[in-house]
Amino acid sequence: GDVYKRQVFTFLGNVSYAMYLNHITIIIVVMALAYPAWPLWGLGPTIVAVTLLLGLPFWRYVEKPAIRLGRTLTQQPKPVPEAFRASGSVTQ
């Protein structure tokens, strides 16, 4: 029970920002495609489901690489080993 609960919360934590970024677009698209053919009570769960389903690939293919890139760009440059500096092949 506890492991499953942690996995659910980890998943929701991972996709929550992607859901936040995409939910308005998903609401507009679902409403444009399904309303008034679908009743309003059916649109809410559909919007939540679509937002969850699209949140995972957005997190994996957009958000995670962007975080990785940001960490790479903000790292301090590694010092050049003394042996390279002494040989004159690297200048600072």
Protein backbone atom coordinates (compact mmCIF):
# COMPACT_ATOMS: atom_id res chain seq x y z
CA GLY A 1 0.00 0.00 0.00
CA ASP A 2 2.63 2.54 1.02
CA VAL A 3 4.87 1.92 -2.00
CA TYR A 4 1.94 2.41 -4.37
CA LYS A 5 0.92 5.64 -2.62
CA ARG A 6 4.48 6.98 -2.89
CA GLN A 7 4.61 6.11 -6.61
CA VAL A 8 1.33 7.94 -7.25
CA PHE A 9 2.52 11.04 -5.42
CA THR A 10 5.91 10.91 -7.15
CA PHE A 11 4.16 10.71 -10.53
CA LEU A 12 1.85 13.61 -9.68
CA GLY A 13 4.80 15.64 -8.39
CA ASN A 14 6.73 15.02 -11.60
CA VAL A 15 3.91 15.97 -13.98
CA SER A 16 2.31 18.75 -11.92
CA TYR A 17 4.24 21.62 -13.53
CA ALA A 18 3.60 20.23 -17.02
CA MET A 19 -0.09 19.93 -16.15
CA TYR A 20 -0.10 23.52 -14.91
CA LEU A 21 1.52 24.75 -18.13
CA ASN A 22 -0.81 22.81 -20.44
CA HIS A 23 -4.18 22.72 -18.72
CA ILE A 24 -5.65 25.89 -20.27
CA THR A 25 -4.76 24.74 -23.79
CA ILE A 26 -6.27 21.31 -23.09
CA ILE A 27 -9.46 22.85 -21.68
CA ILE A 28 -9.87 25.04 -24.77
CA VAL A 29 -9.20 22.18 -27.20
CA VAL A 30 -11.48 19.67 -25.42
CA MET A 31 -14.27 22.23 -25.11
CA ALA A 32 -13.96 23.17 -28.79
CA LEU A 33 -14.03 19.54 -29.91
CA ALA A 34 -16.57 18.03 -27.53
CA TYR A 35 -18.98 20.75 -26.37
CA PRO A 36 -22.02 20.69 -26.76
CA ALA A 37 -22.01 17.09 -28.02
CA TRP A 38 -20.83 15.90 -24.59
CA PRO A 39 -22.50 16.93 -21.36
CA LEU A 40 -20.52 19.30 -19.14
CA TRP A 41 -20.33 16.70 -16.35
CA GLY A 42 -18.38 14.45 -18.71
CA LEU A 43 -15.95 17.11 -19.85
CA GLY A 44 -14.36 17.68 -16.44
CA PRO A 45 -13.05 14.12 -15.99
CA THR A 46 -12.02 14.05 -19.65
CA ILE A 47 -10.02 17.25 -19.26
CA VAL A 48 -8.31 15.91 -16.10
CA ALA A 49 -7.48 12.60 -17.82
CA VAL A 50 -6.09 14.27 -20.97
CA THR A 51 -4.07 16.71 -18.85
CA LEU A 52 -2.57 13.83 -16.86
CA LEU A 53 -1.83 11.79 -19.98
CA LEU A 54 -0.15 14.69 -21.78
CA GLY A 55 1.70 15.80 -18.66
CA LEU A 56 3.95 12.73 -18.61
CA PRO A 57 5.48 13.05 -22.09
CA PHE A 58 5.77 16.81 -21.63
CA TRP A 59 7.67 16.25 -18.38
CA ARG A 60 9.89 13.55 -19.87
CA TYR A 61 10.72 15.15 -23.23
CA VAL A 62 10.56 18.87 -22.44
CA GLU A 63 10.88 19.59 -18.72
CA LYS A 64 13.56 17.02 -17.75
CA PRO A 65 15.91 17.94 -20.64
CA ALA A 66 15.41 21.65 -19.88
CA ILE A 67 16.31 21.08 -16.22
CA ARG A 68 19.38 19.06 -17.25
CA LEU A 69 20.44 21.82 -19.68
CA GLY A 70 19.97 24.47 -17.00
CA ARG A 71 22.15 22.54 -14.57
CA THR A 72 24.83 22.10 -17.23
CA LEU A 73 24.83 25.80 -18.11
CA THR A 74 25.06 26.93 -14.50
CA GLN A 75 27.90 24.62 -13.43
CA GLN A 76 31.26 26.18 -12.64
CA PRO A 77 33.94 25.28 -15.18
CA LYS A 78 36.26 22.56 -13.99
CA PRO A 79 39.84 23.71 -13.33
CA VAL A 80 42.46 22.78 -15.91
CA PRO A 81 44.93 20.25 -14.48
CA GLU A 82 48.39 21.64 -13.79
CA ALA A 83 50.02 19.21 -16.24
CA PHE A 84 48.11 20.76 -19.16
CA ARG A 85 48.92 24.30 -18.09
CA ALA A 86 52.63 23.50 -17.70
CA SER A 87 52.83 22.02 -21.21
CA GLY A 88 51.55 25.24 -22.74
CA SER A 89 48.76 23.44 -24.65
CA VAL A 90 46.08 25.23 -22.64
CA THR A 91 46.01 28.95 -21.99
CA GLN A 92 43.78 30.65 -19.51
